[in-house]
Amino acid sequence: MSSASSTAPSGTFSRLAGRFRRKPTAGRPLSLGRQLLLQIVLFFIACTVLFPIAWIGSLSLDPRNISRPTKLQLVPQGASLQAYSAVIERPTNNDISFASLALNSFRLSIGVAVVSVLIGILAAYAFSRFQFRGRRVLMLSVLTVLMLPAIATLPALYILLNRVQILNPETGKMIFNLRDSLWGVGLAIVSTQLPFAIWNLKGFLDTIPHELEEAALIDGASANTVFTQIILPLAVPALAVTGFLSFMGTWTEFAISWQFLNRVGDHTLIMELYNMIGQYADSTPWSKFAAMSILVALPVSVVYLSLQRYIVSGLTVGSVKG
């Protein structure tokens, strides 16, 4: 047994960790007819999913900037990237560039994802491993908030954050309002994302055998070492799923940002995408709108592809308790 608490535990822990990492099992073979049927069904589903994407992509390349899209041409006549260059230069009539909008969205989304994961894993570990007074009530409270739609909490969050103001002591003029800032919007979105993060991470931590931690403690590891070197590495798939869903939910969030932010300099990509919609269909620049939609969707796709290995395993590993 190692006497130093900083030494990574081995021996019993290694054997138990090997048992926890299950090996994939091969599925049963399918007949040729059943394989063809499944391929046809999957091809139909793929076409259903890809058709709107193809339409938007085609529309973004149409140089005519038509007032009403009526038909699909995968490669429209005179296809160009003019709509993309126009959107990147200045998406709407508001005095803000695409780069500033993207920066605001990235700051907000990454900040909410990081805070949600950090607080969520600590709370989930406490709920999963410790018994304390009020534990059941707190878990039911988290579940209750999770069942509420995010829009239901908007009035209370608006009033609460609007009270946090900094006034100029000489003139009495307000120089900062937490509600009308990305910080306030971030706090509001964290309050909607955190219940899911806690509940999702707790469900995963419950599947990690307690024997792993007991073996590590016997080998001389401290409580902090157990959490940082055993629990966190095993929870990487769940952390990736939770972080990605928080990032995606914040990236596409509209209601809170639209109600809270007044300054154009704090606008996000989703807010300016909405501003591109005219009062009538004929007044909407559809080519620019399609180009903006694709540019808004690209970061989420890149983040998903980057974390795909962890996300897929994180979505499936907690399905069987072991």
C-alpha atoms as a PDB file:
ATOM      1  CA  MET A   1       0.000   0.000   0.000  1.00  0.00           C
ATOM      2  CA  SER A   2       1.320   3.440  -0.897  1.00  0.00           C
ATOM      3  CA  SER A   3       1.708   5.862   1.961  1.00  0.00           C
ATOM      4  CA  ALA A   4       1.680   9.057  -0.152  1.00  0.00           C
ATOM      5  CA  SER A   5      -1.774  10.438  -0.783  1.00  0.00           C
ATOM      6  CA  SER A   6      -0.666  12.185  -3.982  1.00  0.00           C
ATOM      7  CA  THR A   7       0.357   8.923  -5.667  1.00  0.00           C
ATOM      8  CA  ALA A   8      -2.215   7.751  -8.203  1.00  0.00           C
ATOM      9  CA  PRO A   9      -3.830   4.572  -6.914  1.00  0.00           C
ATOM     10  CA  SER A  10      -3.138   1.318  -8.728  1.00  0.00           C
ATOM     11  CA  GLY A  11      -3.572  -2.367  -7.955  1.00  0.00           C
ATOM     12  CA  THR A  12      -7.168  -2.912  -6.887  1.00  0.00           C
ATOM     13  CA  PHE A  13      -8.297   0.303  -8.598  1.00  0.00           C
ATOM     14  CA  SER A  14      -6.801  -0.764 -11.952  1.00  0.00           C
ATOM     15  CA  ARG A  15      -8.660  -4.079 -11.867  1.00  0.00           C
ATOM     16  CA  LEU A  16     -11.948  -2.418 -10.956  1.00  0.00           C
ATOM     17  CA  ALA A  17     -11.504   0.300 -13.588  1.00  0.00           C
ATOM     18  CA  GLY A  18     -10.947  -2.379 -16.204  1.00  0.00           C
ATOM     19  CA  ARG A  19     -14.221  -4.021 -15.207  1.00  0.00           C
ATOM     20  CA  PHE A  20     -16.039  -0.673 -15.391  1.00  0.00           C
ATOM     21  CA  ARG A  21     -14.919   0.030 -18.967  1.00  0.00           C
ATOM     22  CA  ARG A  22     -17.175  -2.424 -20.753  1.00  0.00           C
ATOM     23  CA  LYS A  23     -16.131  -3.886 -24.084  1.00  0.00           C
ATOM     24  CA  PRO A  24     -18.590  -3.486 -26.981  1.00  0.00           C
ATOM     25  CA  THR A  25     -20.437  -6.608 -28.008  1.00  0.00           C
ATOM     26  CA  ALA A  26     -21.157  -7.577 -31.603  1.00  0.00           C
ATOM     27  CA  GLY A  27     -24.768  -7.520 -32.741  1.00  0.00           C
ATOM     28  CA  ARG A  28     -26.579 -10.417 -34.398  1.00  0.00           C
ATOM     29  CA  PRO A  29     -26.290 -10.698 -38.206  1.00  0.00           C
ATOM     30  CA  LEU A  30     -29.232  -9.574 -40.333  1.00  0.00           C
ATOM     31  CA  SER A  31     -30.638 -11.213 -43.430  1.00  0.00           C
ATOM     32  CA  LEU A  32     -30.150  -9.534 -46.814  1.00  0.00           C
ATOM     33  CA  GLY A  33     -33.824  -8.576 -47.087  1.00  0.00           C
ATOM     34  CA  ARG A  34     -33.884  -6.983 -43.652  1.00  0.00           C
ATOM     35  CA  GLN A  35     -30.660  -5.111 -44.398  1.00  0.00           C
ATOM     36  CA  LEU A  36     -32.141  -3.683 -47.608  1.00  0.00           C
ATOM     37  CA  LEU A  37     -35.289  -2.642 -45.777  1.00  0.00           C
ATOM     38  CA  LEU A  38     -33.270  -0.868 -43.084  1.00  0.00           C
ATOM     39  CA  GLN A  39     -31.132   0.841 -45.724  1.00  0.00           C
ATOM     40  CA  ILE A  40     -34.232   2.139 -47.512  1.00  0.00           C
ATOM     41  CA  VAL A  41     -35.733   3.438 -44.270  1.00  0.00           C
ATOM     42  CA  LEU A  42     -32.466   5.125 -43.268  1.00  0.00           C
ATOM     43  CA  PHE A  43     -32.093   6.641 -46.739  1.00  0.00           C
ATOM     44  CA  PHE A  44     -35.607   8.090 -46.501  1.00  0.00           C
ATOM     45  CA  ILE A  45     -34.839   9.555 -43.053  1.00  0.00           C
ATOM     46  CA  ALA A  46     -31.569  11.013 -44.347  1.00  0.00           C
ATOM     47  CA  CYS A  47     -33.335  12.660 -47.286  1.00  0.00           C
ATOM     48  CA  THR A  48     -35.979  14.090 -44.964  1.00  0.00           C
ATOM     49  CA  VAL A  49     -33.308  15.600 -42.720  1.00  0.00           C
ATOM     50  CA  LEU A  50     -31.001  16.831 -45.480  1.00  0.00           C
ATOM     51  CA  PHE A  51     -33.662  18.353 -47.757  1.00  0.00           C
ATOM     52  CA  PRO A  52     -34.178  21.558 -45.683  1.00  0.00           C
ATOM     53  CA  ILE A  53     -30.402  21.927 -45.316  1.00  0.00           C
ATOM     54  CA  ALA A  54     -29.922  21.578 -49.070  1.00  0.00           C
ATOM     55  CA  TRP A  55     -32.644  24.155 -49.691  1.00  0.00           C
ATOM     56  CA  ILE A  56     -31.067  26.672 -47.314  1.00  0.00           C
ATOM     57  CA  GLY A  57     -27.630  26.063 -48.846  1.00  0.00           C
ATOM     58  CA  SER A  58     -28.986  26.565 -52.357  1.00  0.00           C
ATOM     59  CA  LEU A  59     -30.867  29.679 -51.335  1.00  0.00           C
ATOM     60  CA  SER A  60     -27.720  31.207 -49.806  1.00  0.00           C
ATOM     61  CA  LEU A  61     -25.926  30.864 -53.158  1.00  0.00           C
ATOM     62  CA  ASP A  62     -28.717  32.484 -55.190  1.00  0.00           C
ATOM     63  CA  PRO A  63     -27.478  35.921 -56.360  1.00  0.00           C
ATOM     64  CA  ARG A  64     -30.997  37.158 -57.108  1.00  0.00           C
ATOM     65  CA  ASN A  65     -31.900  37.513 -53.408  1.00  0.00           C
ATOM     66  CA  ILE A  66     -35.462  36.529 -54.289  1.00  0.00           C
ATOM     67  CA  SER A  67     -38.331  37.795 -52.171  1.00  0.00           C
ATOM     68  CA  ARG A  68     -40.075  34.436 -51.843  1.00  0.00           C
ATOM     69  CA  PRO A  69     -38.401  31.000 -52.230  1.00  0.00           C
ATOM     70  CA  THR A  70     -40.577  28.771 -54.406  1.00  0.00           C
ATOM     71  CA  LYS A  71     -38.424  25.945 -55.781  1.00  0.00           C
ATOM     72  CA  LEU A  72     -35.224  24.080 -55.042  1.00  0.00           C
ATOM     73  CA  GLN A  73     -32.213  24.368 -57.312  1.00  0.00           C
ATOM     74  CA  LEU A  74     -29.189  22.691 -55.796  1.00  0.00           C
ATOM     75  CA  VAL A  75     -26.907  24.915 -57.893  1.00  0.00           C
ATOM     76  CA  PRO A  76     -28.811  28.096 -58.770  1.00  0.00           C
ATOM     77  CA  GLN A  77     -27.948  29.954 -61.941  1.00  0.00           C
ATOM     78  CA  GLY A  78     -25.067  32.373 -61.369  1.00  0.00           C
ATOM     79  CA  ALA A  79     -24.349  30.931 -57.914  1.00  0.00           C
ATOM     80  CA  SER A  80     -22.028  33.120 -55.850  1.00  0.00           C
ATOM     81  CA  LEU A  81     -20.908  33.828 -52.300  1.00  0.00           C
ATOM     82  CA  GLN A  82     -22.178  37.395 -52.424  1.00  0.00           C
ATOM     83  CA  ALA A  83     -24.723  36.807 -49.642  1.00  0.00           C
ATOM     84  CA  TYR A  84     -22.012  35.455 -47.328  1.00  0.00           C
ATOM     85  CA  SER A  85     -19.703  38.406 -47.909  1.00  0.00           C
ATOM     86  CA  ALA A  86     -22.560  40.834 -47.316  1.00  0.00           C
ATOM     87  CA  VAL A  87     -23.543  39.108 -44.074  1.00  0.00           C
ATOM     88  CA  ILE A  88     -19.965  38.965 -42.777  1.00  0.00           C
ATOM     89  CA  GLU A  89     -19.480  42.650 -43.563  1.00  0.00           C
ATOM     90  CA  ARG A  90     -22.716  43.819 -41.922  1.00  0.00           C
ATOM     91  CA  PRO A  91     -25.624  41.422 -41.262  1.00  0.00           C
ATOM     92  CA  THR A  92     -28.338  44.055 -40.664  1.00  0.00           C
ATOM     93  CA  ASN A  93     -28.818  47.802 -40.556  1.00  0.00           C
ATOM     94  CA  ASN A  94     -27.693  47.828 -36.911  1.00  0.00           C
ATOM     95  CA  ASP A  95     -24.206  49.198 -36.325  1.00  0.00           C
ATOM     96  CA  ILE A  96     -22.531  45.930 -35.374  1.00  0.00           C
ATOM     97  CA  SER A  97     -20.338  43.569 -37.372  1.00  0.00           C
ATOM     98  CA  PHE A  98     -20.622  39.805 -37.744  1.00  0.00           C
ATOM     99  CA  ALA A  99     -17.338  39.361 -35.844  1.00  0.00           C
ATOM    100  CA  SER A 100     -18.708  41.275 -32.840  1.00  0.00           C
ATOM    101  CA  LEU A 101     -21.907  39.228 -32.887  1.00  0.00           C
ATOM    102  CA  ALA A 102     -19.941  35.973 -33.067  1.00  0.00           C
ATOM    103  CA  LEU A 103     -17.677  37.099 -30.213  1.00  0.00           C
ATOM    104  CA  ASN A 104     -20.678  37.911 -28.013  1.00  0.00           C
ATOM    105  CA  SER A 105     -22.260  34.543 -28.779  1.00  0.00           C
ATOM    106  CA  PHE A 106     -19.022  32.646 -28.112  1.00  0.00           C
ATOM    107  CA  ARG A 107     -18.363  34.448 -24.837  1.00  0.00           C
ATOM    108  CA  LEU A 108     -21.897  33.803 -23.652  1.00  0.00           C
ATOM    109  CA  SER A 109     -22.098  30.165 -24.772  1.00  0.00           C
ATOM    110  CA  ILE A 110     -18.643  29.091 -23.566  1.00  0.00           C
ATOM    111  CA  GLY A 111     -19.090  30.892 -20.254  1.00  0.00           C
ATOM    112  CA  VAL A 112     -22.468  29.282 -19.564  1.00  0.00           C
ATOM    113  CA  ALA A 113     -21.189  25.830 -20.582  1.00  0.00           C
ATOM    114  CA  VAL A 114     -18.108  26.051 -18.340  1.00  0.00           C
ATOM    115  CA  VAL A 115     -20.003  27.371 -15.315  1.00  0.00           C
ATOM    116  CA  SER A 116     -22.809  24.827 -15.727  1.00  0.00           C
ATOM    117  CA  VAL A 117     -20.362  21.914 -15.953  1.00  0.00           C
ATOM    118  CA  LEU A 118     -18.197  23.072 -13.027  1.00  0.00           C
ATOM    119  CA  ILE A 119     -21.080  23.686 -10.651  1.00  0.00           C
ATOM    120  CA  GLY A 120     -23.042  20.730 -12.012  1.00  0.00           C
ATOM    121  CA  ILE A 121     -20.326  18.122 -11.448  1.00  0.00           C
ATOM    122  CA  LEU A 122     -19.691  19.311  -7.881  1.00  0.00           C
ATOM    123  CA  ALA A 123     -23.399  19.292  -6.999  1.00  0.00           C
ATOM    124  CA  ALA A 124     -23.973  15.981  -8.788  1.00  0.00           C
ATOM    125  CA  TYR A 125     -21.086  14.344  -6.918  1.00  0.00           C
ATOM    126  CA  ALA A 126     -22.498  15.538  -3.604  1.00  0.00           C
ATOM    127  CA  PHE A 127     -25.970  14.206  -4.448  1.00  0.00           C
ATOM    128  CA  SER A 128     -24.564  10.915  -5.735  1.00  0.00           C
ATOM    129  CA  ARG A 129     -22.079  10.091  -2.984  1.00  0.00           C
ATOM    130  CA  PHE A 130     -23.102  11.864   0.240  1.00  0.00           C
ATOM    131  CA  GLN A 131     -26.055  11.561   2.571  1.00  0.00           C
ATOM    132  CA  PHE A 132     -26.995  14.837   4.253  1.00  0.00           C
ATOM    133  CA  ARG A 133     -30.044  16.535   5.711  1.00  0.00           C
ATOM    134  CA  GLY A 134     -32.321  18.003   3.063  1.00  0.00           C
ATOM    135  CA  ARG A 135     -30.791  15.939   0.247  1.00  0.00           C
ATOM    136  CA  ARG A 136     -34.112  14.564  -0.982  1.00  0.00           C
ATOM    137  CA  VAL A 137     -35.795  17.977  -0.835  1.00  0.00           C
ATOM    138  CA  LEU A 138     -32.980  19.583  -2.808  1.00  0.00           C
ATOM    139  CA  MET A 139     -33.090  16.843  -5.443  1.00  0.00           C
ATOM    140  CA  LEU A 140     -36.850  17.286  -5.826  1.00  0.00           C
ATOM    141  CA  SER A 141     -36.308  21.043  -6.097  1.00  0.00           C
ATOM    142  CA  VAL A 142     -33.794  20.537  -8.917  1.00  0.00           C
ATOM    143  CA  LEU A 143     -36.202  18.184 -10.686  1.00  0.00           C
ATOM    144  CA  THR A 144     -39.079  20.658 -10.275  1.00  0.00           C
ATOM    145  CA  VAL A 145     -37.068  23.505 -11.788  1.00  0.00           C
ATOM    146  CA  LEU A 146     -35.973  21.172 -14.583  1.00  0.00           C
ATOM    147  CA  MET A 147     -39.590  20.499 -15.530  1.00  0.00           C
ATOM    148  CA  LEU A 148     -40.404  24.208 -15.814  1.00  0.00           C
ATOM    149  CA  PRO A 149     -40.004  25.830 -19.241  1.00  0.00           C
ATOM    150  CA  ALA A 150     -37.203  28.381 -19.264  1.00  0.00           C
ATOM    151  CA  ILE A 151     -39.571  31.132 -20.399  1.00  0.00           C
ATOM    152  CA  ALA A 152     -41.594  30.710 -17.178  1.00  0.00           C
ATOM    153  CA  THR A 153     -38.708  32.069 -15.098  1.00  0.00           C
ATOM    154  CA  LEU A 154     -38.101  35.089 -17.336  1.00  0.00           C
ATOM    155  CA  PRO A 155     -40.224  37.672 -15.415  1.00  0.00           C
ATOM    156  CA  ALA A 156     -38.650  36.782 -12.054  1.00  0.00           C
ATOM    157  CA  LEU A 157     -35.127  36.838 -13.502  1.00  0.00           C
ATOM    158  CA  TYR A 158     -35.805  40.170 -15.216  1.00  0.00           C
ATOM    159  CA  ILE A 159     -36.938  41.840 -11.982  1.00  0.00           C
ATOM    160  CA  LEU A 160     -34.179  40.264  -9.887  1.00  0.00           C
ATOM    161  CA  LEU A 161     -31.286  41.162 -12.199  1.00  0.00           C
ATOM    162  CA  ASN A 162     -32.706  44.605 -12.959  1.00  0.00           C
ATOM    163  CA  ARG A 163     -32.221  45.536  -9.287  1.00  0.00           C
ATOM    164  CA  VAL A 164     -28.442  45.107  -9.542  1.00  0.00           C
ATOM    165  CA  GLN A 165     -27.340  48.543 -10.737  1.00  0.00           C
ATOM    166  CA  ILE A 166     -24.299  50.773 -10.333  1.00  0.00           C
ATOM    167  CA  LEU A 167     -25.053  54.494 -10.139  1.00  0.00           C
ATOM    168  CA  ASN A 168     -22.766  57.460 -10.569  1.00  0.00           C
ATOM    169  CA  PRO A 169     -22.512  58.974  -7.045  1.00  0.00           C
ATOM    170  CA  GLU A 170     -22.246  62.508  -8.408  1.00  0.00           C
ATOM    171  CA  THR A 171     -24.979  62.560 -11.027  1.00  0.00           C
ATOM    172  CA  GLY A 172     -27.078  59.609  -9.867  1.00  0.00           C
ATOM    173  CA  LYS A 173     -27.076  58.327 -13.443  1.00  0.00           C
ATOM    174  CA  MET A 174     -26.981  54.569 -13.929  1.00  0.00           C
ATOM    175  CA  ILE A 175     -23.679  53.421 -15.422  1.00  0.00           C
ATOM    176  CA  PHE A 176     -24.239  49.636 -15.221  1.00  0.00           C
ATOM    177  CA  ASN A 177     -27.296  47.410 -15.144  1.00  0.00           C
ATOM    178  CA  LEU A 178     -26.709  43.702 -14.653  1.00  0.00           C
ATOM    179  CA  ARG A 179     -29.892  42.850 -16.517  1.00  0.00           C
ATOM    180  CA  ASP A 180     -28.803  44.810 -19.601  1.00  0.00           C
ATOM    181  CA  SER A 181     -25.447  43.040 -19.969  1.00  0.00           C
ATOM    182  CA  LEU A 182     -24.022  39.748 -21.176  1.00  0.00           C
ATOM    183  CA  TRP A 183     -23.129  38.954 -17.538  1.00  0.00           C
ATOM    184  CA  GLY A 184     -26.781  39.169 -16.534  1.00  0.00           C
ATOM    185  CA  VAL A 185     -27.944  37.147 -19.525  1.00  0.00           C
ATOM    186  CA  GLY A 186     -25.294  34.547 -18.714  1.00  0.00           C
ATOM    187  CA  LEU A 187     -26.467  34.255 -15.111  1.00  0.00           C
ATOM    188  CA  ALA A 188     -30.071  33.921 -16.261  1.00  0.00           C
ATOM    189  CA  ILE A 189     -29.205  31.180 -18.758  1.00  0.00           C
ATOM    190  CA  VAL A 190     -27.044  29.343 -16.201  1.00  0.00           C
ATOM    191  CA  SER A 191     -30.064  29.200 -13.907  1.00  0.00           C
ATOM    192  CA  THR A 192     -31.979  27.394 -16.670  1.00  0.00           C
ATOM    193  CA  GLN A 193     -29.117  25.076 -17.700  1.00  0.00           C
ATOM    194  CA  LEU A 194     -27.860  24.104 -14.247  1.00  0.00           C
ATOM    195  CA  PRO A 195     -30.762  21.824 -13.186  1.00  0.00           C
ATOM    196  CA  PHE A 196     -30.290  19.660 -16.277  1.00  0.00           C
ATOM    197  CA  ALA A 197     -26.515  19.595 -15.768  1.00  0.00           C
ATOM    198  CA  ILE A 198     -26.891  18.439 -12.164  1.00  0.00           C
ATOM    199  CA  TRP A 199     -29.491  15.796 -12.940  1.00  0.00           C
ATOM    200  CA  ASN A 200     -27.676  14.458 -16.005  1.00  0.00           C
ATOM    201  CA  LEU A 201     -24.286  14.247 -14.287  1.00  0.00           C
ATOM    202  CA  LYS A 202     -25.760  12.675 -11.153  1.00  0.00           C
ATOM    203  CA  GLY A 203     -27.325   9.934 -13.242  1.00  0.00           C
ATOM    204  CA  PHE A 204     -23.947   9.146 -14.758  1.00  0.00           C
ATOM    205  CA  LEU A 205     -22.031   9.284 -11.468  1.00  0.00           C
ATOM    206  CA  ASP A 206     -24.495   6.801  -9.990  1.00  0.00           C
ATOM    207  CA  THR A 207     -23.249   4.228 -12.534  1.00  0.00           C
ATOM    208  CA  ILE A 208     -19.625   4.504 -11.353  1.00  0.00           C
ATOM    209  CA  PRO A 209     -19.019   1.735  -8.770  1.00  0.00           C
ATOM    210  CA  HIS A 210     -18.246   2.900  -5.244  1.00  0.00           C
ATOM    211  CA  GLU A 211     -15.567   0.208  -5.106  1.00  0.00           C
ATOM    212  CA  LEU A 212     -13.335   2.366  -7.301  1.00  0.00           C
ATOM    213  CA  GLU A 213     -13.218   5.119  -4.698  1.00  0.00           C
ATOM    214  CA  GLU A 214     -12.903   2.679  -1.813  1.00  0.00           C
ATOM    215  CA  ALA A 215      -9.969   0.950  -3.485  1.00  0.00           C
ATOM    216  CA  ALA A 216      -8.273   4.284  -4.135  1.00  0.00           C
ATOM    217  CA  LEU A 217      -8.728   5.358  -0.516  1.00  0.00           C
ATOM    218  CA  ILE A 218      -7.276   2.064   0.673  1.00  0.00           C
ATOM    219  CA  ASP A 219      -4.274   2.644  -1.605  1.00  0.00           C
ATOM    220  CA  GLY A 220      -3.672   5.972   0.157  1.00  0.00           C
ATOM    221  CA  ALA A 221      -5.366   8.481  -2.143  1.00  0.00           C
ATOM    222  CA  SER A 222      -6.962  11.565  -0.625  1.00  0.00           C
ATOM    223  CA  ALA A 223     -10.562  12.603  -1.277  1.00  0.00           C
ATOM    224  CA  ASN A 224      -9.412  15.294  -3.717  1.00  0.00           C
ATOM    225  CA  THR A 225      -7.223  12.794  -5.569  1.00  0.00           C
ATOM    226  CA  VAL A 226     -10.131  10.376  -5.849  1.00  0.00           C
ATOM    227  CA  PHE A 227     -12.333  13.095  -7.355  1.00  0.00           C
ATOM    228  CA  THR A 228      -9.789  14.631  -9.744  1.00  0.00           C
ATOM    229  CA  GLN A 229      -7.923  11.488 -10.878  1.00  0.00           C
ATOM    230  CA  ILE A 230     -10.654   8.860 -10.808  1.00  0.00           C
ATOM    231  CA  ILE A 231     -14.130  10.346 -10.966  1.00  0.00           C
ATOM    232  CA  LEU A 232     -13.427  13.175 -13.425  1.00  0.00           C
ATOM    233  CA  PRO A 233     -11.566  11.042 -16.010  1.00  0.00           C
ATOM    234  CA  LEU A 234     -14.348   8.459 -15.949  1.00  0.00           C
ATOM    235  CA  ALA A 235     -16.969  11.200 -16.240  1.00  0.00           C
ATOM    236  CA  VAL A 236     -15.440  12.849 -19.331  1.00  0.00           C
ATOM    237  CA  PRO A 237     -18.182  11.532 -21.693  1.00  0.00           C
ATOM    238  CA  ALA A 238     -20.936  12.864 -19.437  1.00  0.00           C
ATOM    239  CA  LEU A 239     -19.090  16.174 -19.032  1.00  0.00           C
ATOM    240  CA  ALA A 240     -18.782  16.441 -22.820  1.00  0.00           C
ATOM    241  CA  VAL A 241     -22.492  15.795 -23.331  1.00  0.00           C
ATOM    242  CA  THR A 242     -23.502  18.280 -20.637  1.00  0.00           C
ATOM    243  CA  GLY A 243     -21.084  20.930 -21.869  1.00  0.00           C
ATOM    244  CA  PHE A 244     -22.170  20.522 -25.485  1.00  0.00           C
ATOM    245  CA  LEU A 245     -25.877  20.702 -24.675  1.00  0.00           C
ATOM    246  CA  SER A 246     -25.302  23.793 -22.525  1.00  0.00           C
ATOM    247  CA  PHE A 247     -23.260  25.387 -25.313  1.00  0.00           C
ATOM    248  CA  MET A 248     -25.887  24.577 -27.934  1.00  0.00           C
ATOM    249  CA  GLY A 249     -28.774  25.732 -25.739  1.00  0.00           C
ATOM    250  CA  THR A 250     -27.054  29.057 -25.067  1.00  0.00           C
ATOM    251  CA  TRP A 251     -25.939  29.528 -28.681  1.00  0.00           C
ATOM    252  CA  THR A 252     -29.518  29.211 -29.933  1.00  0.00           C
ATOM    253  CA  GLU A 253     -31.155  30.994 -26.960  1.00  0.00           C
ATOM    254  CA  PHE A 254     -33.305  33.930 -28.019  1.00  0.00           C
ATOM    255  CA  ALA A 255     -36.055  34.826 -25.547  1.00  0.00           C
ATOM    256  CA  ILE A 256     -33.888  35.857 -22.583  1.00  0.00           C
ATOM    257  CA  SER A 257     -31.375  37.763 -24.711  1.00  0.00           C
ATOM    258  CA  TRP A 258     -34.111  39.573 -26.615  1.00  0.00           C
ATOM    259  CA  GLN A 259     -35.922  40.664 -23.460  1.00  0.00           C
ATOM    260  CA  PHE A 260     -32.839  41.598 -21.431  1.00  0.00           C
ATOM    261  CA  LEU A 261     -30.411  43.299 -23.833  1.00  0.00           C
ATOM    262  CA  ASN A 262     -31.066  46.814 -25.086  1.00  0.00           C
ATOM    263  CA  ARG A 263     -27.649  47.846 -26.413  1.00  0.00           C
ATOM    264  CA  VAL A 264     -26.859  46.777 -29.967  1.00  0.00           C
ATOM    265  CA  GLY A 265     -23.224  46.165 -28.986  1.00  0.00           C
ATOM    266  CA  ASP A 266     -24.319  43.238 -26.781  1.00  0.00           C
ATOM    267  CA  HIS A 267     -26.500  41.539 -29.392  1.00  0.00           C
ATOM    268  CA  THR A 268     -25.869  37.908 -30.319  1.00  0.00           C
ATOM    269  CA  LEU A 269     -26.038  36.140 -33.676  1.00  0.00           C
ATOM    270  CA  ILE A 270     -29.514  34.759 -33.017  1.00  0.00           C
ATOM    271  CA  MET A 271     -30.859  38.228 -32.207  1.00  0.00           C
ATOM    272  CA  GLU A 272     -29.535  39.711 -35.446  1.00  0.00           C
ATOM    273  CA  LEU A 273     -30.808  36.707 -37.399  1.00  0.00           C
ATOM    274  CA  TYR A 274     -34.272  37.551 -36.101  1.00  0.00           C
ATOM    275  CA  ASN A 275     -33.749  41.194 -37.042  1.00  0.00           C
ATOM    276  CA  MET A 276     -33.273  40.137 -40.670  1.00  0.00           C
ATOM    277  CA  ILE A 277     -36.897  39.010 -40.867  1.00  0.00           C
ATOM    278  CA  GLY A 278     -39.068  41.679 -42.433  1.00  0.00           C
ATOM    279  CA  GLN A 279     -42.645  42.511 -41.572  1.00  0.00           C
ATOM    280  CA  TYR A 280     -43.770  40.544 -44.614  1.00  0.00           C
ATOM    281  CA  ALA A 281     -42.204  37.643 -46.509  1.00  0.00           C
ATOM    282  CA  ASP A 282     -41.500  39.905 -49.481  1.00  0.00           C
ATOM    283  CA  SER A 283     -39.377  42.220 -47.328  1.00  0.00           C
ATOM    284  CA  THR A 284     -37.041  39.493 -46.048  1.00  0.00           C
ATOM    285  CA  PRO A 285     -33.650  39.166 -47.844  1.00  0.00           C
ATOM    286  CA  TRP A 286     -33.844  35.419 -48.163  1.00  0.00           C
ATOM    287  CA  SER A 287     -30.373  34.832 -49.624  1.00  0.00           C
ATOM    288  CA  LYS A 288     -28.729  36.793 -46.808  1.00  0.00           C
ATOM    289  CA  PHE A 289     -31.025  35.152 -44.270  1.00  0.00           C
ATOM    290  CA  ALA A 290     -30.030  31.673 -45.523  1.00  0.00           C
ATOM    291  CA  ALA A 291     -26.336  32.576 -45.504  1.00  0.00           C
ATOM    292  CA  MET A 292     -26.641  33.935 -41.964  1.00  0.00           C
ATOM    293  CA  SER A 293     -28.452  30.777 -40.859  1.00  0.00           C
ATOM    294  CA  ILE A 294     -25.646  28.559 -42.144  1.00  0.00           C
ATOM    295  CA  LEU A 295     -22.969  30.704 -40.519  1.00  0.00           C
ATOM    296  CA  VAL A 296     -24.853  30.572 -37.196  1.00  0.00           C
ATOM    297  CA  ALA A 297     -25.198  26.786 -37.377  1.00  0.00           C
ATOM    298  CA  LEU A 298     -21.558  26.078 -38.297  1.00  0.00           C
ATOM    299  CA  PRO A 299     -19.973  26.575 -34.825  1.00  0.00           C
ATOM    300  CA  VAL A 300     -22.406  24.146 -33.196  1.00  0.00           C
ATOM    301  CA  SER A 301     -21.606  21.563 -35.877  1.00  0.00           C
ATOM    302  CA  VAL A 302     -17.859  22.045 -35.376  1.00  0.00           C
ATOM    303  CA  VAL A 303     -18.161  21.662 -31.601  1.00  0.00           C
ATOM    304  CA  TYR A 304     -20.244  18.515 -32.027  1.00  0.00           C
ATOM    305  CA  LEU A 305     -17.765  16.940 -34.446  1.00  0.00           C
ATOM    306  CA  SER A 306     -14.904  17.816 -32.102  1.00  0.00           C
ATOM    307  CA  LEU A 307     -16.601  16.140 -29.133  1.00  0.00           C
ATOM    308  CA  GLN A 308     -18.388  13.404 -31.075  1.00  0.00           C
ATOM    309  CA  ARG A 309     -16.348  10.552 -29.609  1.00  0.00           C
ATOM    310  CA  TYR A 310     -17.170  11.635 -26.057  1.00  0.00           C
ATOM    311  CA  ILE A 311     -20.768  12.613 -26.800  1.00  0.00           C
ATOM    312  CA  VAL A 312     -21.726   9.252 -28.333  1.00  0.00           C
ATOM    313  CA  SER A 313     -20.233   7.293 -25.432  1.00  0.00           C
ATOM    314  CA  GLY A 314     -21.712   9.721 -22.910  1.00  0.00           C
ATOM    315  CA  LEU A 315     -25.212   9.255 -24.296  1.00  0.00           C
ATOM    316  CA  THR A 316     -25.034   5.466 -24.043  1.00  0.00           C
ATOM    317  CA  VAL A 317     -22.792   4.604 -21.092  1.00  0.00           C
ATOM    318  CA  GLY A 318     -25.334   5.680 -18.480  1.00  0.00           C
ATOM    319  CA  SER A 319     -28.146   3.661 -19.979  1.00  0.00           C
ATOM    320  CA  VAL A 320     -27.187   0.515 -17.989  1.00  0.00           C
ATOM    321  CA  LYS A 321     -26.415   0.829 -14.323  1.00  0.00           C
ATOM    322  CA  GLY A 322     -23.362  -1.205 -13.383  1.00  0.00           C
END
